[in-house]
C-alpha atoms as a PDB file:
ATOM      1  CA  MET A   1      49.525  50.424  30.435  1.00  0.00           C
ATOM      2  CA  ARG A   2      48.352  48.611  33.641  1.00  0.00           C
ATOM      3  CA  MET A   3      45.233  50.012  35.556  1.00  0.00           C
ATOM      4  CA  LYS A   4      45.947  51.214  39.339  1.00  0.00           C
ATOM      5  CA  LYS A   5      44.105  48.749  41.561  1.00  0.00           C
ATOM      6  CA  GLY A   6      42.057  51.570  42.755  1.00  0.00           C
ATOM      7  CA  SER A   7      41.338  52.961  39.583  1.00  0.00           C
ATOM      8  CA  SER A   8      39.606  49.243  38.690  1.00  0.00           C
ATOM      9  CA  ARG A   9      37.485  49.174  41.580  1.00  0.00           C
ATOM     10  CA  HIS A  10      36.540  52.678  40.513  1.00  0.00           C
ATOM     11  CA  LEU A  11      35.400  51.334  36.958  1.00  0.00           C
ATOM     12  CA  LEU A  12      34.141  48.758  38.265  1.00  0.00           C
ATOM     13  CA  THR A  13      31.919  50.634  40.522  1.00  0.00           C
ATOM     14  CA  LEU A  14      30.624  52.881  37.485  1.00  0.00           C
ATOM     15  CA  VAL A  15      29.942  50.122  35.503  1.00  0.00           C
ATOM     16  CA  ALA A  16      27.947  48.376  38.208  1.00  0.00           C
ATOM     17  CA  LEU A  17      26.438  52.083  38.727  1.00  0.00           C
ATOM     18  CA  VAL A  18      25.783  52.133  35.140  1.00  0.00           C
ATOM     19  CA  LEU A  19      23.776  48.927  35.161  1.00  0.00           C
ATOM     20  CA  LEU A  20      21.663  49.487  37.729  1.00  0.00           C
ATOM     21  CA  THR A  21      20.351  52.435  36.611  1.00  0.00           C
ATOM     22  CA  ILE A  22      19.431  50.952  33.112  1.00  0.00           C
ATOM     23  CA  LEU A  23      17.612  48.059  34.884  1.00  0.00           C
ATOM     24  CA  ALA A  24      15.891  50.697  37.438  1.00  0.00           C
ATOM     25  CA  GLY A  25      14.679  52.725  34.734  1.00  0.00           C
ATOM     26  CA  CYS A  26      13.364  49.773  32.844  1.00  0.00           C
ATOM     27  CA  ARG A  27      11.642  48.114  35.778  1.00  0.00           C
ATOM     28  CA  THR A  28      10.331  51.589  36.278  1.00  0.00           C
ATOM     29  CA  GLY A  29       9.044  51.928  32.775  1.00  0.00           C
ATOM     30  CA  ARG A  30       7.310  48.530  33.142  1.00  0.00           C
ATOM     31  CA  ASN A  31       5.385  49.897  36.374  1.00  0.00           C
ATOM     32  CA  THR A  32       4.855  53.351  34.714  1.00  0.00           C
ATOM     33  CA  GLU A  33       3.080  50.938  31.410  1.00  0.00           C
ATOM     34  CA  ASP A  34       1.285  48.546  33.834  1.00  0.00           C
ATOM     35  CA  LYS A  35       0.022  51.289  35.969  1.00  0.00           C
ATOM     36  CA  ALA A  36      -1.098  53.389  32.451  1.00  0.00           C
ATOM     37  CA  ALA A  37      -2.772  49.727  31.542  1.00  0.00           C
ATOM     38  CA  ARG A  38      -4.679  49.534  34.839  1.00  0.00           C
ATOM     39  CA  ILE A  39      -5.963  53.234  34.459  1.00  0.00           C
ATOM     40  CA  LYS A  40      -6.971  52.546  31.467  1.00  0.00           C
ATOM     41  CA  LYS A  41      -9.095  49.258  31.786  1.00  0.00           C
ATOM     42  CA  GLN A  42     -10.407  50.902  35.027  1.00  0.00           C
ATOM     43  CA  GLN A  43     -11.843  54.068  32.787  1.00  0.00           C
ATOM     44  CA  GLN A  44     -12.766  51.475  30.214  1.00  0.00           C
ATOM     45  CA  TYR A  45     -14.306  49.461  32.833  1.00  0.00           C
ATOM     46  CA  GLU A  46     -16.530  52.668  34.263  1.00  0.00           C
ATOM     47  CA  GLN A  47     -18.000  53.114  31.328  1.00  0.00           C
ATOM     48  CA  LEU A  48     -18.824  49.773  30.178  1.00  0.00           C
ATOM     49  CA  ALA A  49     -20.544  49.605  33.501  1.00  0.00           C
ATOM     50  CA  GLU A  50     -22.677  52.121  33.157  1.00  0.00           C
ATOM     51  CA  LEU A  51     -24.164  50.214  30.038  1.00  0.00           C
ATOM     52  CA  SER A  52     -24.716  46.997  32.095  1.00  0.00           C
ATOM     53  CA  LYS A  53     -26.814  49.140  34.837  1.00  0.00           C
ATOM     54  CA  PRO A  54     -30.937  50.379  34.630  1.00  0.00           C
ATOM     55  CA  LEU A  55     -31.551  52.977  32.951  1.00  0.00           C
ATOM     56  CA  LEU A  56     -31.808  55.303  35.697  1.00  0.00           C
ATOM     57  CA  GLY A  57     -35.215  56.834  36.014  1.00  0.00           C
ATOM     58  CA  LEU A  58     -36.734  54.045  33.697  1.00  0.00           C
ATOM     59  CA  THR A  59     -39.002  51.683  34.844  1.00  0.00           C
ATOM     60  CA  ASP A  60     -41.427  51.172  32.177  1.00  0.00           C
ATOM     61  CA  ILE A  61     -41.771  51.737  28.510  1.00  0.00           C
ATOM     62  CA  THR A  62     -44.377  51.397  25.808  1.00  0.00           C
ATOM     63  CA  ALA A  63     -44.391  51.761  22.450  1.00  0.00           C
ATOM     64  CA  ARG A  64     -46.135  51.015  19.237  1.00  0.00           C
ATOM     65  CA  THR A  65     -44.352  48.167  17.228  1.00  0.00           C
ATOM     66  CA  ASN A  66     -44.260  47.378  13.137  1.00  0.00           C
ATOM     67  CA  VAL A  67     -42.585  44.184  13.245  1.00  0.00           C
ATOM     68  CA  SER A  68     -41.304  42.208   9.952  1.00  0.00           C
ATOM     69  CA  ILE A  69     -40.179  38.438  10.275  1.00  0.00           C
ATOM     70  CA  SER A  70     -38.821  37.146   7.236  1.00  0.00           C
ATOM     71  CA  TYR A  71     -38.242  32.366   7.470  1.00  0.00           C
ATOM     72  CA  ASN A  72     -37.061  30.750   4.393  1.00  0.00           C
ATOM     73  CA  GLU A  73     -39.257  31.835   1.741  1.00  0.00           C
ATOM     74  CA  HIS A  74     -42.133  33.353   4.008  1.00  0.00           C
ATOM     75  CA  SER A  75     -42.554  36.917   5.396  1.00  0.00           C
ATOM     76  CA  ILE A  76     -45.131  38.300   7.677  1.00  0.00           C
ATOM     77  CA  ARG A  77     -45.727  41.885   8.497  1.00  0.00           C
ATOM     78  CA  VAL A  78     -47.446  42.650  11.354  1.00  0.00           C
ATOM     79  CA  LYS A  79     -48.258  45.977  13.792  1.00  0.00           C
ATOM     80  CA  GLY A  80     -48.343  45.593  17.867  1.00  0.00           C
ATOM     81  CA  LYS A  81     -47.818  47.305  21.334  1.00  0.00           C
ATOM     82  CA  LEU A  82     -44.058  46.792  23.047  1.00  0.00           C
ATOM     83  CA  LYS A  83     -44.677  46.939  26.638  1.00  0.00           C
ATOM     84  CA  MET A  84     -41.622  46.366  28.909  1.00  0.00           C
ATOM     85  CA  ARG A  85     -41.529  46.872  33.538  1.00  0.00           C
ATOM     86  CA  ARG A  86     -38.204  46.147  34.328  1.00  0.00           C
ATOM     87  CA  ASN A  87     -37.331  42.958  36.306  1.00  0.00           C
ATOM     88  CA  GLU A  88     -41.030  42.289  35.785  1.00  0.00           C
ATOM     89  CA  THR A  89     -42.471  41.336  32.263  1.00  0.00           C
ATOM     90  CA  ILE A  90     -41.680  42.445  28.444  1.00  0.00           C
ATOM     91  CA  GLN A  91     -44.788  42.287  26.360  1.00  0.00           C
ATOM     92  CA  MET A  92     -45.335  41.975  22.823  1.00  0.00           C
ATOM     93  CA  THR A  93     -48.801  41.830  21.240  1.00  0.00           C
ATOM     94  CA  PHE A  94     -49.490  41.704  17.292  1.00  0.00           C
ATOM     95  CA  THR A  95     -52.806  42.769  16.000  1.00  0.00           C
ATOM     96  CA  ALA A  96     -54.715  41.790  12.595  1.00  0.00           C
ATOM     97  CA  LEU A  97     -55.396  44.768  10.076  1.00  0.00           C
ATOM     98  CA  GLY A  98     -54.296  47.096  13.138  1.00  0.00           C
ATOM     99  CA  LEU A  99     -57.193  46.114  14.988  1.00  0.00           C
ATOM    100  CA  MET A 100     -57.643  42.812  16.514  1.00  0.00           C
ATOM    101  CA  GLU A 101     -54.704  41.097  18.708  1.00  0.00           C
ATOM    102  CA  VAL A 102     -54.208  37.608  17.522  1.00  0.00           C
ATOM    103  CA  ALA A 103     -51.013  36.692  19.603  1.00  0.00           C
ATOM    104  CA  CYS A 104     -48.920  37.442  22.363  1.00  0.00           C
ATOM    105  CA  VAL A 105     -45.232  37.175  23.693  1.00  0.00           C
ATOM    106  CA  GLU A 106     -44.635  38.003  27.438  1.00  0.00           C
ATOM    107  CA  PHE A 107     -41.415  37.342  29.080  1.00  0.00           C
ATOM    108  CA  THR A 108     -41.414  37.106  33.004  1.00  0.00           C
ATOM    109  CA  PRO A 109     -38.387  36.444  35.593  1.00  0.00           C
ATOM    110  CA  LYS A 110     -39.357  32.737  35.412  1.00  0.00           C
ATOM    111  CA  ALA A 111     -40.544  31.642  31.641  1.00  0.00           C
ATOM    112  CA  THR A 112     -42.125  32.567  28.254  1.00  0.00           C
ATOM    113  CA  TYR A 113     -45.214  32.451  27.353  1.00  0.00           C
ATOM    114  CA  ILE A 114     -46.212  32.489  23.846  1.00  0.00           C
ATOM    115  CA  VAL A 115     -50.196  32.923  23.693  1.00  0.00           C
ATOM    116  CA  ASP A 116     -52.374  32.126  20.344  1.00  0.00           C
ATOM    117  CA  ARG A 117     -55.760  34.386  21.157  1.00  0.00           C
ATOM    118  CA  ILE A 118     -57.668  33.088  18.381  1.00  0.00           C
ATOM    119  CA  GLY A 119     -57.171  29.831  18.725  1.00  0.00           C
ATOM    120  CA  LYS A 120     -57.178  30.088  22.885  1.00  0.00           C
ATOM    121  CA  ARG A 121     -53.864  28.319  23.334  1.00  0.00           C
ATOM    122  CA  TYR A 122     -50.893  28.785  24.964  1.00  0.00           C
ATOM    123  CA  THR A 123     -47.386  27.467  25.702  1.00  0.00           C
ATOM    124  CA  ARG A 124     -45.182  27.851  28.356  1.00  0.00           C
ATOM    125  CA  ILE A 125     -41.073  27.836  28.450  1.00  0.00           C
ATOM    126  CA  ASP A 126     -39.402  27.949  31.711  1.00  0.00           C
ATOM    127  CA  TYR A 127     -35.975  28.660  32.031  1.00  0.00           C
ATOM    128  CA  SER A 128     -35.067  26.030  34.828  1.00  0.00           C
ATOM    129  CA  GLU A 129     -35.512  23.574  31.682  1.00  0.00           C
ATOM    130  CA  GLY A 130     -32.540  21.724  30.991  1.00  0.00           C
ATOM    131  CA  MET A 131     -31.374  23.378  28.240  1.00  0.00           C
ATOM    132  CA  LEU A 132     -31.878  27.278  28.787  1.00  0.00           C
ATOM    133  CA  LYS A 133     -30.539  26.683  32.381  1.00  0.00           C
ATOM    134  CA  SER A 134     -27.281  25.339  30.513  1.00  0.00           C
ATOM    135  CA  VAL A 135     -26.539  27.928  28.562  1.00  0.00           C
ATOM    136  CA  GLY A 136     -27.010  30.526  30.821  1.00  0.00           C
ATOM    137  CA  ALA A 137     -30.539  31.792  29.324  1.00  0.00           C
ATOM    138  CA  ASN A 138     -32.911  33.773  31.654  1.00  0.00           C
ATOM    139  CA  PHE A 139     -35.106  36.707  31.812  1.00  0.00           C
ATOM    140  CA  ALA A 140     -31.766  38.771  32.448  1.00  0.00           C
ATOM    141  CA  THR A 141     -30.278  38.113  29.304  1.00  0.00           C
ATOM    142  CA  VAL A 142     -34.229  38.545  27.178  1.00  0.00           C
ATOM    143  CA  GLN A 143     -34.175  42.131  29.357  1.00  0.00           C
ATOM    144  CA  ALA A 144     -31.038  43.110  28.543  1.00  0.00           C
ATOM    145  CA  LEU A 145     -31.564  42.459  24.560  1.00  0.00           C
ATOM    146  CA  PHE A 146     -34.770  44.273  24.609  1.00  0.00           C
ATOM    147  CA  TRP A 147     -33.626  47.141  26.810  1.00  0.00           C
ATOM    148  CA  ASN A 148     -30.008  47.514  24.937  1.00  0.00           C
ATOM    149  CA  ARG A 149     -28.025  46.586  27.629  1.00  0.00           C
ATOM    150  CA  LEU A 150     -24.590  44.564  28.753  1.00  0.00           C
ATOM    151  CA  PHE A 151     -24.337  41.222  30.389  1.00  0.00           C
ATOM    152  CA  ILE A 152     -22.982  38.187  31.404  1.00  0.00           C
ATOM    153  CA  PRO A 153     -24.679  35.291  30.370  1.00  0.00           C
ATOM    154  CA  GLY A 154     -26.499  33.471  33.566  1.00  0.00           C
ATOM    155  CA  LYS A 155     -26.210  36.273  35.901  1.00  0.00           C
ATOM    156  CA  ASP A 156     -28.502  38.620  36.907  1.00  0.00           C
ATOM    157  CA  ASP A 157     -26.620  41.766  38.034  1.00  0.00           C
ATOM    158  CA  ALA A 158     -24.606  44.347  36.392  1.00  0.00           C
ATOM    159  CA  TRP A 159     -20.844  44.248  35.496  1.00  0.00           C
ATOM    160  CA  LYS A 160     -19.006  44.552  39.115  1.00  0.00           C
ATOM    161  CA  GLN A 161     -15.285  44.439  38.183  1.00  0.00           C
ATOM    162  CA  PRO A 162     -12.901  45.288  35.155  1.00  0.00           C
ATOM    163  CA  GLU A 163     -11.833  41.284  35.209  1.00  0.00           C
ATOM    164  CA  ASP A 164     -15.310  40.543  34.425  1.00  0.00           C
ATOM    165  CA  PHE A 165     -14.801  41.374  30.040  1.00  0.00           C
ATOM    166  CA  GLU A 166     -11.755  41.264  27.195  1.00  0.00           C
ATOM    167  CA  ILE A 167     -11.909  44.582  24.965  1.00  0.00           C
ATOM    168  CA  MET A 168     -11.029  44.074  21.314  1.00  0.00           C
ATOM    169  CA  LEU A 169     -10.622  46.940  18.112  1.00  0.00           C
ATOM    170  CA  THR A 170     -12.811  46.179  15.480  1.00  0.00           C
ATOM    171  CA  GLY A 171     -12.253  48.529  13.005  1.00  0.00           C
ATOM    172  CA  THR A 172     -14.104  52.405  14.842  1.00  0.00           C
ATOM    173  CA  ARG A 173     -16.050  49.845  17.293  1.00  0.00           C
ATOM    174  CA  GLN A 174     -15.072  47.806  20.539  1.00  0.00           C
ATOM    175  CA  CYS A 175     -15.700  44.370  20.794  1.00  0.00           C
ATOM    176  CA  VAL A 176     -16.524  43.669  24.590  1.00  0.00           C
ATOM    177  CA  GLU A 177     -16.433  40.450  25.446  1.00  0.00           C
ATOM    178  CA  PRO A 178     -17.390  38.681  29.089  1.00  0.00           C
ATOM    179  CA  ALA A 179     -14.566  36.841  30.639  1.00  0.00           C
ATOM    180  CA  HIS A 180     -15.611  32.942  31.858  1.00  0.00           C
ATOM    181  CA  GLN A 181     -18.236  32.917  29.028  1.00  0.00           C
ATOM    182  CA  ARG A 182     -20.655  29.156  29.281  1.00  0.00           C
ATOM    183  CA  MET A 183     -21.935  27.586  26.921  1.00  0.00           C
ATOM    184  CA  LEU A 184     -23.408  30.629  25.302  1.00  0.00           C
ATOM    185  CA  LYS A 185     -21.058  32.962  24.242  1.00  0.00           C
ATOM    186  CA  CYS A 186     -21.539  37.081  24.104  1.00  0.00           C
ATOM    187  CA  TYR A 187     -19.870  39.946  22.220  1.00  0.00           C
ATOM    188  CA  PHE A 188     -20.990  43.283  22.410  1.00  0.00           C
ATOM    189  CA  TYR A 189     -20.090  46.130  20.008  1.00  0.00           C
ATOM    190  CA  THR A 190     -20.081  49.528  21.455  1.00  0.00           C
ATOM    191  CA  ASP A 191     -18.789  53.249  19.984  1.00  0.00           C
ATOM    192  CA  GLU A 192     -15.111  53.923  20.937  1.00  0.00           C
ATOM    193  CA  GLU A 193     -15.877  55.991  24.082  1.00  0.00           C
ATOM    194  CA  TYR A 194     -17.948  53.077  25.040  1.00  0.00           C
ATOM    195  CA  LYS A 195     -21.210  55.253  25.237  1.00  0.00           C
ATOM    196  CA  GLN A 196     -23.652  53.309  23.087  1.00  0.00           C
ATOM    197  CA  LEU A 197     -24.327  49.699  22.699  1.00  0.00           C
ATOM    198  CA  GLN A 198     -24.767  49.402  18.921  1.00  0.00           C
ATOM    199  CA  GLN A 199     -24.658  45.369  18.151  1.00  0.00           C
ATOM    200  CA  THR A 200     -25.514  42.195  20.516  1.00  0.00           C
ATOM    201  CA  ARG A 201     -24.213  39.042  19.230  1.00  0.00           C
ATOM    202  CA  LEU A 202     -24.732  35.649  20.381  1.00  0.00           C
ATOM    203  CA  GLU A 203     -23.198  32.086  19.681  1.00  0.00           C
ATOM    204  CA  LEU A 204     -24.398  28.652  20.792  1.00  0.00           C
ATOM    205  CA  SER A 205     -22.814  25.328  19.183  1.00  0.00           C
ATOM    206  CA  HIS A 206     -23.440  26.729  15.024  1.00  0.00           C
ATOM    207  CA  TYR A 207     -26.245  28.606  16.101  1.00  0.00           C
ATOM    208  CA  LYS A 208     -25.523  32.432  15.698  1.00  0.00           C
ATOM    209  CA  GLY A 209     -27.518  35.556  16.618  1.00  0.00           C
ATOM    210  CA  ILE A 210     -27.215  39.145  15.735  1.00  0.00           C
ATOM    211  CA  TRP A 211     -29.379  42.211  17.686  1.00  0.00           C
ATOM    212  CA  GLN A 212     -28.697  45.100  16.226  1.00  0.00           C
ATOM    213  CA  TYR A 213     -29.592  48.112  17.534  1.00  0.00           C
ATOM    214  CA  ASP A 214     -30.726  51.941  15.485  1.00  0.00           C
ATOM    215  CA  MET A 215     -32.031  54.846  14.952  1.00  0.00           C
ATOM    216  CA  PHE A 216     -31.122  56.036  18.711  1.00  0.00           C
ATOM    217  CA  GLU A 217     -33.838  58.667  19.724  1.00  0.00           C
ATOM    218  CA  PRO A 218     -33.521  60.273  23.304  1.00  0.00           C
ATOM    219  CA  LEU A 219     -35.402  58.865  25.960  1.00  0.00           C
ATOM    220  CA  GLY A 220     -35.853  60.658  29.368  1.00  0.00           C
ATOM    221  CA  SER A 221     -32.039  61.653  30.043  1.00  0.00           C
ATOM    222  CA  HIS A 222     -30.953  58.756  27.979  1.00  0.00           C
ATOM    223  CA  SER A 223     -30.602  57.685  24.066  1.00  0.00           C
ATOM    224  CA  PHE A 224     -32.638  54.592  23.178  1.00  0.00           C
ATOM    225  CA  PRO A 225     -32.957  52.677  19.993  1.00  0.00           C
ATOM    226  CA  THR A 226     -36.014  52.735  18.382  1.00  0.00           C
ATOM    227  CA  MET A 227     -34.814  49.810  15.502  1.00  0.00           C
ATOM    228  CA  PHE A 228     -34.489  46.473  16.686  1.00  0.00           C
ATOM    229  CA  ASP A 229     -32.631  44.212  13.623  1.00  0.00           C
ATOM    230  CA  ILE A 230     -32.496  40.734  14.452  1.00  0.00           C
ATOM    231  CA  SER A 231     -31.059  37.754  12.660  1.00  0.00           C
ATOM    232  CA  LEU A 232     -30.880  33.916  13.722  1.00  0.00           C
ATOM    233  CA  SER A 233     -28.941  31.650  11.834  1.00  0.00           C
ATOM    234  CA  GLY A 234     -28.029  27.932  12.483  1.00  0.00           C
ATOM    235  CA  SER A 235     -28.492  24.393  10.819  1.00  0.00           C
ATOM    236  CA  SER A 236     -29.343  25.999   6.907  1.00  0.00           C
ATOM    237  CA  ARG A 237     -32.072  28.332   8.210  1.00  0.00           C
ATOM    238  CA  THR A 238     -32.448  31.730   8.716  1.00  0.00           C
ATOM    239  CA  ILE A 239     -35.087  33.929  10.867  1.00  0.00           C
ATOM    240  CA  GLY A 240     -35.285  37.362  10.703  1.00  0.00           C
ATOM    241  CA  ALA A 241     -36.953  40.165  12.504  1.00  0.00           C
ATOM    242  CA  ASN A 242     -36.940  43.775  12.175  1.00  0.00           C
ATOM    243  CA  ILE A 243     -38.774  45.923  14.924  1.00  0.00           C
ATOM    244  CA  ALA A 244     -39.322  49.420  14.350  1.00  0.00           C
ATOM    245  CA  LEU A 245     -40.721  51.471  17.631  1.00  0.00           C
ATOM    246  CA  SER A 246     -42.767  54.632  17.214  1.00  0.00           C
ATOM    247  CA  SER A 247     -44.747  56.492  19.977  1.00  0.00           C
ATOM    248  CA  ILE A 248     -42.156  55.209  22.673  1.00  0.00           C
ATOM    249  CA  SER A 249     -42.642  56.614  26.289  1.00  0.00           C
ATOM    250  CA  TYR A 250     -41.497  55.579  29.767  1.00  0.00           C
ATOM    251  CA  THR A 251     -44.625  57.872  31.485  1.00  0.00           C
ATOM    252  CA  ASP A 252     -47.354  55.353  31.177  1.00  0.00           C
ATOM    253  CA  THR A 253     -47.147  52.855  33.912  1.00  0.00           C
ATOM    254  CA  THR A 254     -51.098  52.088  33.999  1.00  0.00           C
ATOM    255  CA  TRP A 255     -50.711  49.429  32.060  1.00  0.00           C
ATOM    256  CA  LYS A 256     -51.300  45.960  33.862  1.00  0.00           C
ATOM    257  CA  SER A 257     -48.468  43.214  33.711  1.00  0.00           C
ATOM    258  CA  GLY A 258     -49.442  39.284  33.385  1.00  0.00           C
ATOM    259  CA  ILE A 259     -51.660  37.822  31.282  1.00  0.00           C
ATOM    260  CA  ASP A 260     -54.919  36.262  32.360  1.00  0.00           C
ATOM    261  CA  LEU A 261     -54.910  32.418  30.815  1.00  0.00           C
ATOM    262  CA  SER A 262     -57.252  30.847  33.120  1.00  0.00           C
ATOM    263  CA  ARG A 263     -59.486  30.468  29.706  1.00  0.00           C
ATOM    264  CA  TYR A 264     -56.901  29.290  27.331  1.00  0.00           C
ATOM    265  CA  LYS A 265     -55.555  25.336  26.678  1.00  0.00           C
ATOM    266  CA  GLU A 266     -51.662  25.154  27.385  1.00  0.00           C
ATOM    267  CA  VAL A 267     -50.109  22.872  24.773  1.00  0.00           C
ATOM    268  CA  GLU A 268     -46.704  21.953  22.724  1.00  0.00           C
ATOM    269  CA  LEU A 269     -44.523  24.954  21.227  1.00  0.00           C
ATOM    270  CA  GLU A 270     -45.079  22.672  17.749  1.00  0.00           C
ATOM    271  CA  GLU A 271     -48.987  22.969  17.822  1.00  0.00           C
ATOM    272  CA  LEU A 272     -48.704  27.051  18.029  1.00  0.00           C
ATOM    273  CA  MET A 273     -46.362  27.138  14.761  1.00  0.00           C
ATOM    274  CA  SER A 274     -49.507  27.217  13.096  1.00  0.00           C
ATOM    275  CA  ILE A 275     -50.213  31.098  14.112  1.00  0.00           C
ATOM    276  CA  LEU A 276     -47.504  31.841  11.648  1.00  0.00           C
ATOM    277  CA  ASN A 277     -50.542  31.408   8.601  1.00  0.00           C
ATOM    278  CA  ILE A 278     -52.652  33.200  10.961  1.00  0.00           C
ATOM    279  CA  LEU A 279     -50.327  35.912  11.169  1.00  0.00           C
ATOM    280  CA  ARG A 280     -49.825  36.144   7.392  1.00  0.00           C
END
C-alpha cells in the first residue's frame, strides 16, 4: 500500500517533532542537573567559607596546656600555657615541675622564635626564607592550624569562591582539597555537614603531617577543640605531639604579646636541640 505524499510529509513532520522533543528533554535534563550541581556547590562553599573565616567575636584565646611529645624512642611530658591573639601572635610556654618557665615558642606574622629560657638563647626562623616561602608556609598557615580553620597555603585571606576547592566523600567525613595548590598539599576532613573541621593533613614531598582536632567544647558562640593530636613523619622518623587544653578562655585580653629578647643570644636551630634534655 503506497502512502500518499501528504501523509508521508505529515509522518516525517511527526517524527521530527518527536525527535526534537526528546532532544529538548535531554538538554533540559542536563541543564537541570547542572543547575542542581551548581546550587549544591554554592551551598557547600558557603558552609566551608565559614570554616575559613575568623571566629566571630574571638580575638584572644588563652589556656593551660599539658603537652606530650614523642620522638623515636624518647618521650617528654611538660605543662605550660597557650596564648593566641588573632593576626598578631601565638605563644606556647613550657614549665618544669609546673613552676619555672624553661622554654617558649612564639609565632608572629614575620617569623617564629624558639627561646631557651635557661640558656638565654633563641633562634629565629623567617617565613621569607627560601624553603618556607616556596612551599607557601607562613603565619596564616600556622594560625589556621591552631585556630581550627581552613586555609589555602600561601594566602592570608578566607576562601572567596566555590572554585577554591574540591570535595571527596570518605566514609562519614568530607575531604576538602583546595584548588591550585603548590608544593605544600593540604587536605581538610570535616563532618558531613561541613560545620566542624576534624582533621588537617599536610604533604610535602615525602613528609606528611596530621593535625587532629578532638574534644570540642563551647567557646563563646562557637565550638572549639580542646585536644590537638599532631604527627609528623618522613625520612624514617616520626614525631608526635598531643596538646590538651584546659581552663580555656576568650575574655583575658590583658596579656602582652612579644618576647623581650634583648638579653638573649641568637644561635642556630641545631644548638637549641639540646633543650630537649632540659625538658625530660
